């Protein structure tokens, strides 16, 4: 097999005005979001599958979780391969090291549990990799194409027809976040060593 070139830039470091779902390619500490362009960061913590919960981080605040966020736990860090929401009030670049070598080999194994989880793409991810395991739905919130933004869906269960009113996606780019629903627990391995034809 051949190595798949990976991008040398990562969208998790680029914030634009409005909402976006991003993905951590490495562990991120919350102080990286202390920029005037970031209003709030949200994370869906599903590490306890029986008790998932939202966590929040409000940058540049003197108190933890101000402005009505006090009922939520504060994010202490975002781990590699976790997804997270960011609300930006302007465009900016965060101080997150996201560069990789063009031919660098990256392997990762996602541990999915039954129900919903918000994940981050550590490399470019094709939905079919999850389809072969336990996942049945994937959602992403695409903000990369100007006016062509919003929710996009990939149905992994062949018995369910894709609704005409919702756009479909076939790729989650490195650094983007995505929702996955699984009907059971399983593991999904991704790698830049997959055959090139799978990424066409």
C-alpha atoms as a PDB file:
ATOM      1  CA  UNK A   1       0.000   0.000   0.000  1.00  0.00           C
ATOM      2  CA  UNK A   2       1.019   3.624  -0.493  1.00  0.00           C
ATOM      3  CA  UNK A   3       1.089   6.462   1.968  1.00  0.00           C
ATOM      4  CA  UNK A   4      -1.666   9.035   1.545  1.00  0.00           C
ATOM      5  CA  UNK A   5      -0.384  12.634   1.618  1.00  0.00           C
ATOM      6  CA  UNK A   6      -1.795  14.539   4.568  1.00  0.00           C
ATOM      7  CA  UNK A   7      -2.471  18.242   4.717  1.00  0.00           C
ATOM      8  CA  UNK A   8       0.143  20.572   6.117  1.00  0.00           C
ATOM      9  CA  UNK A   9      -2.505  22.843   7.595  1.00  0.00           C
ATOM     10  CA  UNK A  10      -5.283  21.968  10.007  1.00  0.00           C
ATOM     11  CA  UNK A  11      -8.637  23.667  10.373  1.00  0.00           C
ATOM     12  CA  UNK A  12      -8.593  23.315  14.163  1.00  0.00           C
ATOM     13  CA  UNK A  13      -6.152  26.232  14.303  1.00  0.00           C
ATOM     14  CA  UNK A  14      -8.251  28.459  12.029  1.00  0.00           C
ATOM     15  CA  UNK A  15     -11.359  30.001  13.584  1.00  0.00           C
ATOM     16  CA  UNK A  16     -13.991  31.851  11.587  1.00  0.00           C
ATOM     17  CA  UNK A  17     -16.953  33.918  12.656  1.00  0.00           C
ATOM     18  CA  UNK A  18     -19.882  31.752  13.725  1.00  0.00           C
ATOM     19  CA  UNK A  19     -20.191  28.137  14.834  1.00  0.00           C
ATOM     20  CA  UNK A  20     -17.904  25.327  13.714  1.00  0.00           C
ATOM     21  CA  UNK A  21     -17.207  21.715  14.735  1.00  0.00           C
ATOM     22  CA  UNK A  22     -13.489  21.050  14.951  1.00  0.00           C
ATOM     23  CA  UNK A  23     -11.429  17.993  15.826  1.00  0.00           C
ATOM     24  CA  UNK A  24      -8.312  17.650  17.935  1.00  0.00           C
ATOM     25  CA  UNK A  25      -5.411  15.976  16.148  1.00  0.00           C
ATOM     26  CA  UNK A  26      -3.401  16.216  19.384  1.00  0.00           C
ATOM     27  CA  UNK A  27      -4.304  16.953  23.014  1.00  0.00           C
ATOM     28  CA  UNK A  28      -5.308  20.617  23.406  1.00  0.00           C
ATOM     29  CA  UNK A  29      -5.243  22.611  26.645  1.00  0.00           C
ATOM     30  CA  UNK A  30      -7.985  25.184  27.078  1.00  0.00           C
ATOM     31  CA  UNK A  31      -5.564  28.115  27.372  1.00  0.00           C
ATOM     32  CA  UNK A  32      -5.041  27.727  23.614  1.00  0.00           C
ATOM     33  CA  UNK A  33      -8.530  29.227  23.188  1.00  0.00           C
ATOM     34  CA  UNK A  34      -7.706  32.405  25.130  1.00  0.00           C
ATOM     35  CA  UNK A  35      -8.076  34.587  22.085  1.00  0.00           C
ATOM     36  CA  UNK A  36     -10.404  37.542  21.669  1.00  0.00           C
ATOM     37  CA  UNK A  37     -11.972  35.881  18.613  1.00  0.00           C
ATOM     38  CA  UNK A  38     -13.301  32.878  20.605  1.00  0.00           C
ATOM     39  CA  UNK A  39     -16.576  33.367  22.454  1.00  0.00           C
ATOM     40  CA  UNK A  40     -17.141  29.879  23.842  1.00  0.00           C
ATOM     41  CA  UNK A  41     -16.027  26.244  23.416  1.00  0.00           C
ATOM     42  CA  UNK A  42     -18.325  23.254  23.962  1.00  0.00           C
ATOM     43  CA  UNK A  43     -17.400  19.577  24.322  1.00  0.00           C
ATOM     44  CA  UNK A  44     -19.705  16.546  24.491  1.00  0.00           C
ATOM     45  CA  UNK A  45     -18.102  14.250  27.034  1.00  0.00           C
ATOM     46  CA  UNK A  46     -19.335  10.719  26.362  1.00  0.00           C
ATOM     47  CA  UNK A  47     -16.495   8.911  28.141  1.00  0.00           C
ATOM     48  CA  UNK A  48     -19.170   7.574  30.488  1.00  0.00           C
ATOM     49  CA  UNK A  49     -21.584   6.155  27.924  1.00  0.00           C
ATOM     50  CA  UNK A  50     -24.336   5.910  30.537  1.00  0.00           C
ATOM     51  CA  UNK A  51     -23.992   9.539  31.584  1.00  0.00           C
ATOM     52  CA  UNK A  52     -22.837  11.747  28.694  1.00  0.00           C
ATOM     53  CA  UNK A  53     -22.719  15.474  29.412  1.00  0.00           C
ATOM     54  CA  UNK A  54     -21.846  18.796  27.879  1.00  0.00           C
ATOM     55  CA  UNK A  55     -18.821  20.709  29.139  1.00  0.00           C
ATOM     56  CA  UNK A  56     -18.005  24.330  28.400  1.00  0.00           C
ATOM     57  CA  UNK A  57     -15.059  26.709  28.394  1.00  0.00           C
ATOM     58  CA  UNK A  58     -15.441  30.496  28.250  1.00  0.00           C
ATOM     59  CA  UNK A  59     -12.099  32.108  27.328  1.00  0.00           C
ATOM     60  CA  UNK A  60     -10.773  35.262  28.907  1.00  0.00           C
ATOM     61  CA  UNK A  61     -13.147  35.054  31.863  1.00  0.00           C
ATOM     62  CA  UNK A  62     -12.278  35.818  35.481  1.00  0.00           C
ATOM     63  CA  UNK A  63     -14.676  33.151  36.743  1.00  0.00           C
ATOM     64  CA  UNK A  64     -15.277  29.571  35.658  1.00  0.00           C
ATOM     65  CA  UNK A  65     -18.299  29.155  33.390  1.00  0.00           C
ATOM     66  CA  UNK A  66     -19.842  32.633  33.707  1.00  0.00           C
ATOM     67  CA  UNK A  67     -22.914  34.024  31.951  1.00  0.00           C
ATOM     68  CA  UNK A  68     -25.337  31.266  32.846  1.00  0.00           C
ATOM     69  CA  UNK A  69     -22.960  28.381  32.158  1.00  0.00           C
ATOM     70  CA  UNK A  70     -22.473  27.505  35.824  1.00  0.00           C
ATOM     71  CA  UNK A  71     -24.540  24.312  35.638  1.00  0.00           C
ATOM     72  CA  UNK A  72     -22.014  22.796  33.226  1.00  0.00           C
ATOM     73  CA  UNK A  73     -18.626  21.337  34.103  1.00  0.00           C
ATOM     74  CA  UNK A  74     -15.694  23.286  32.762  1.00  0.00           C
ATOM     75  CA  UNK A  75     -13.535  21.710  30.048  1.00  0.00           C
ATOM     76  CA  UNK A  76     -10.074  20.991  31.402  1.00  0.00           C
ATOM     77  CA  UNK A  77      -8.616  19.664  28.149  1.00  0.00           C
ATOM     78  CA  UNK A  78      -9.604  18.268  24.770  1.00  0.00           C
ATOM     79  CA  UNK A  79      -8.027  14.930  23.980  1.00  0.00           C
ATOM     80  CA  UNK A  80      -6.745  13.742  20.642  1.00  0.00           C
ATOM     81  CA  UNK A  81      -9.576  12.566  18.350  1.00  0.00           C
ATOM     82  CA  UNK A  82     -12.275  14.394  20.335  1.00  0.00           C
ATOM     83  CA  UNK A  83     -14.552  16.829  18.569  1.00  0.00           C
ATOM     84  CA  UNK A  84     -15.648  20.200  19.921  1.00  0.00           C
ATOM     85  CA  UNK A  85     -17.802  23.188  19.021  1.00  0.00           C
ATOM     86  CA  UNK A  86     -16.330  26.686  18.821  1.00  0.00           C
ATOM     87  CA  UNK A  87     -18.217  29.971  18.477  1.00  0.00           C
ATOM     88  CA  UNK A  88     -16.031  32.631  16.899  1.00  0.00           C
ATOM     89  CA  UNK A  89     -16.813  36.335  16.732  1.00  0.00           C
ATOM     90  CA  UNK A  90     -14.236  36.934  13.970  1.00  0.00           C
ATOM     91  CA  UNK A  91     -11.648  35.097  11.905  1.00  0.00           C
ATOM     92  CA  UNK A  92      -8.333  34.278  13.559  1.00  0.00           C
ATOM     93  CA  UNK A  93      -5.587  31.684  13.968  1.00  0.00           C
ATOM     94  CA  UNK A  94      -5.048  29.905  17.284  1.00  0.00           C
ATOM     95  CA  UNK A  95      -1.646  28.938  18.635  1.00  0.00           C
ATOM     96  CA  UNK A  96      -2.086  25.213  17.977  1.00  0.00           C
ATOM     97  CA  UNK A  97       0.688  23.268  16.281  1.00  0.00           C
ATOM     98  CA  UNK A  98      -1.094  21.390  13.514  1.00  0.00           C
ATOM     99  CA  UNK A  99       1.521  20.826  10.822  1.00  0.00           C
ATOM    100  CA  UNK A 100       2.498  17.323   9.744  1.00  0.00           C
ATOM    101  CA  UNK A 101       5.016  16.051   7.246  1.00  0.00           C
ATOM    102  CA  UNK A 102       3.495  15.328   3.846  1.00  0.00           C
ATOM    103  CA  UNK A 103       4.411  11.619   3.907  1.00  0.00           C
ATOM    104  CA  UNK A 104       4.096  11.100   7.651  1.00  0.00           C
ATOM    105  CA  UNK A 105       2.310   7.864   8.571  1.00  0.00           C
ATOM    106  CA  UNK A 106      -0.552   8.358  11.001  1.00  0.00           C
ATOM    107  CA  UNK A 107      -2.483   5.465  12.547  1.00  0.00           C
ATOM    108  CA  UNK A 108      -5.299   5.795  15.042  1.00  0.00           C
ATOM    109  CA  UNK A 109      -8.009   3.580  16.522  1.00  0.00           C
ATOM    110  CA  UNK A 110     -11.333   5.091  17.576  1.00  0.00           C
ATOM    111  CA  UNK A 111     -13.164   3.388  20.438  1.00  0.00           C
ATOM    112  CA  UNK A 112     -16.880   3.800  19.796  1.00  0.00           C
ATOM    113  CA  UNK A 113     -19.590   3.046  22.312  1.00  0.00           C
ATOM    114  CA  UNK A 114     -23.285   2.537  21.804  1.00  0.00           C
ATOM    115  CA  UNK A 115     -25.079   5.863  21.273  1.00  0.00           C
ATOM    116  CA  UNK A 116     -23.762   9.287  20.169  1.00  0.00           C
ATOM    117  CA  UNK A 117     -20.216  10.637  20.380  1.00  0.00           C
ATOM    118  CA  UNK A 118     -18.524  13.782  19.038  1.00  0.00           C
ATOM    119  CA  UNK A 119     -15.202  12.870  17.449  1.00  0.00           C
ATOM    120  CA  UNK A 120     -12.360  14.631  15.669  1.00  0.00           C
ATOM    121  CA  UNK A 121     -10.670  13.541  12.445  1.00  0.00           C
ATOM    122  CA  UNK A 122      -6.978  12.913  13.134  1.00  0.00           C
ATOM    123  CA  UNK A 123      -6.547  12.251   9.411  1.00  0.00           C
ATOM    124  CA  UNK A 124      -8.902  12.565   6.442  1.00  0.00           C
ATOM    125  CA  UNK A 125     -11.668  10.084   7.295  1.00  0.00           C
ATOM    126  CA  UNK A 126     -13.993   8.254   4.910  1.00  0.00           C
ATOM    127  CA  UNK A 127     -17.348   7.173   6.395  1.00  0.00           C
ATOM    128  CA  UNK A 128     -17.108   3.674   4.931  1.00  0.00           C
ATOM    129  CA  UNK A 129     -14.444   2.875   7.534  1.00  0.00           C
ATOM    130  CA  UNK A 130     -17.113   3.294  10.217  1.00  0.00           C
ATOM    131  CA  UNK A 131     -19.766   1.563   8.135  1.00  0.00           C
ATOM    132  CA  UNK A 132     -17.801  -1.683   8.255  1.00  0.00           C
ATOM    133  CA  UNK A 133     -17.987  -1.635  12.051  1.00  0.00           C
ATOM    134  CA  UNK A 134     -20.804  -0.632  14.397  1.00  0.00           C
ATOM    135  CA  UNK A 135     -21.757   2.887  13.274  1.00  0.00           C
ATOM    136  CA  UNK A 136     -25.033   3.670  11.543  1.00  0.00           C
ATOM    137  CA  UNK A 137     -25.133   7.497  11.283  1.00  0.00           C
ATOM    138  CA  UNK A 138     -22.531  10.240  10.849  1.00  0.00           C
ATOM    139  CA  UNK A 139     -23.170  13.990  10.888  1.00  0.00           C
ATOM    140  CA  UNK A 140     -20.896  16.933  10.217  1.00  0.00           C
ATOM    141  CA  UNK A 141     -21.428  20.688  10.199  1.00  0.00           C
ATOM    142  CA  UNK A 142     -19.603  21.893   7.114  1.00  0.00           C
ATOM    143  CA  UNK A 143     -18.467  25.524   7.056  1.00  0.00           C
ATOM    144  CA  UNK A 144     -15.738  25.167   4.429  1.00  0.00           C
ATOM    145  CA  UNK A 145     -17.588  26.111   1.248  1.00  0.00           C
ATOM    146  CA  UNK A 146     -18.915  29.614   1.665  1.00  0.00           C
ATOM    147  CA  UNK A 147     -22.671  29.507   1.092  1.00  0.00           C
ATOM    148  CA  UNK A 148     -22.711  25.705   1.029  1.00  0.00           C
ATOM    149  CA  UNK A 149     -22.579  25.344   4.811  1.00  0.00           C
ATOM    150  CA  UNK A 150     -24.684  23.545   7.376  1.00  0.00           C
ATOM    151  CA  UNK A 151     -25.497  20.024   8.493  1.00  0.00           C
ATOM    152  CA  UNK A 152     -24.553  17.109   6.265  1.00  0.00           C
ATOM    153  CA  UNK A 153     -25.391  13.457   6.833  1.00  0.00           C
ATOM    154  CA  UNK A 154     -23.969  10.079   5.893  1.00  0.00           C
ATOM    155  CA  UNK A 155     -26.226   7.095   6.612  1.00  0.00           C
ATOM    156  CA  UNK A 156     -24.220   3.944   7.161  1.00  0.00           C
ATOM    157  CA  UNK A 157     -27.221   1.650   7.497  1.00  0.00           C
ATOM    158  CA  UNK A 158     -28.126   0.472   3.987  1.00  0.00           C
ATOM    159  CA  UNK A 159     -31.713  -0.201   5.067  1.00  0.00           C
ATOM    160  CA  UNK A 160     -32.330   3.522   5.680  1.00  0.00           C
ATOM    161  CA  UNK A 161     -32.823   5.837   2.701  1.00  0.00           C
ATOM    162  CA  UNK A 162     -30.998   9.161   2.685  1.00  0.00           C
ATOM    163  CA  UNK A 163     -33.489  12.071   2.855  1.00  0.00           C
ATOM    164  CA  UNK A 164     -33.429  14.383  -0.166  1.00  0.00           C
ATOM    165  CA  UNK A 165     -33.606  17.467   2.042  1.00  0.00           C
ATOM    166  CA  UNK A 166     -30.221  16.833   3.715  1.00  0.00           C
ATOM    167  CA  UNK A 167     -26.911  17.000   1.888  1.00  0.00           C
ATOM    168  CA  UNK A 168     -24.587  14.015   1.993  1.00  0.00           C
ATOM    169  CA  UNK A 169     -20.851  13.993   2.696  1.00  0.00           C
ATOM    170  CA  UNK A 170     -18.197  11.406   1.887  1.00  0.00           C
ATOM    171  CA  UNK A 171     -15.156  12.855   3.628  1.00  0.00           C
ATOM    172  CA  UNK A 172     -14.300  14.401   6.997  1.00  0.00           C
ATOM    173  CA  UNK A 173     -11.109  16.376   6.585  1.00  0.00           C
ATOM    174  CA  UNK A 174      -8.310  16.257   9.134  1.00  0.00           C
ATOM    175  CA  UNK A 175      -9.068  18.712  11.921  1.00  0.00           C
ATOM    176  CA  UNK A 176     -12.845  18.655  11.449  1.00  0.00           C
ATOM    177  CA  UNK A 177     -15.288  17.291  14.016  1.00  0.00           C
ATOM    178  CA  UNK A 178     -18.106  14.845  13.366  1.00  0.00           C
ATOM    179  CA  UNK A 179     -20.931  13.133  15.214  1.00  0.00           C
ATOM    180  CA  UNK A 180     -21.217   9.333  15.120  1.00  0.00           C
ATOM    181  CA  UNK A 181     -24.044   7.140  16.331  1.00  0.00           C
ATOM    182  CA  UNK A 182     -23.160   3.509  17.011  1.00  0.00           C
ATOM    183  CA  UNK A 183     -25.560   0.651  17.630  1.00  0.00           C
ATOM    184  CA  UNK A 184     -22.957  -1.208  19.732  1.00  0.00           C
ATOM    185  CA  UNK A 185     -19.416  -0.850  21.054  1.00  0.00           C
ATOM    186  CA  UNK A 186     -16.610  -1.311  18.550  1.00  0.00           C
ATOM    187  CA  UNK A 187     -13.233  -0.054  17.381  1.00  0.00           C
ATOM    188  CA  UNK A 188     -12.495   1.689  14.075  1.00  0.00           C
ATOM    189  CA  UNK A 189      -8.935   1.887  12.793  1.00  0.00           C
ATOM    190  CA  UNK A 190      -7.867   4.669  10.403  1.00  0.00           C
ATOM    191  CA  UNK A 191      -4.509   5.088   8.725  1.00  0.00           C
ATOM    192  CA  UNK A 192      -2.730   7.131   6.077  1.00  0.00           C
ATOM    193  CA  UNK A 193      -1.424   3.782   4.786  1.00  0.00           C
ATOM    194  CA  UNK A 194      -4.765   2.855   3.210  1.00  0.00           C
ATOM    195  CA  UNK A 195      -4.732   2.277  -0.566  1.00  0.00           C
ATOM    196  CA  UNK A 196      -4.999   5.542  -2.568  1.00  0.00           C
ATOM    197  CA  UNK A 197      -8.116   4.410  -4.472  1.00  0.00           C
ATOM    198  CA  UNK A 198     -10.070   4.512  -1.207  1.00  0.00           C
ATOM    199  CA  UNK A 199      -9.500   8.259  -1.034  1.00  0.00           C
ATOM    200  CA  UNK A 200     -10.664   9.112  -4.531  1.00  0.00           C
END
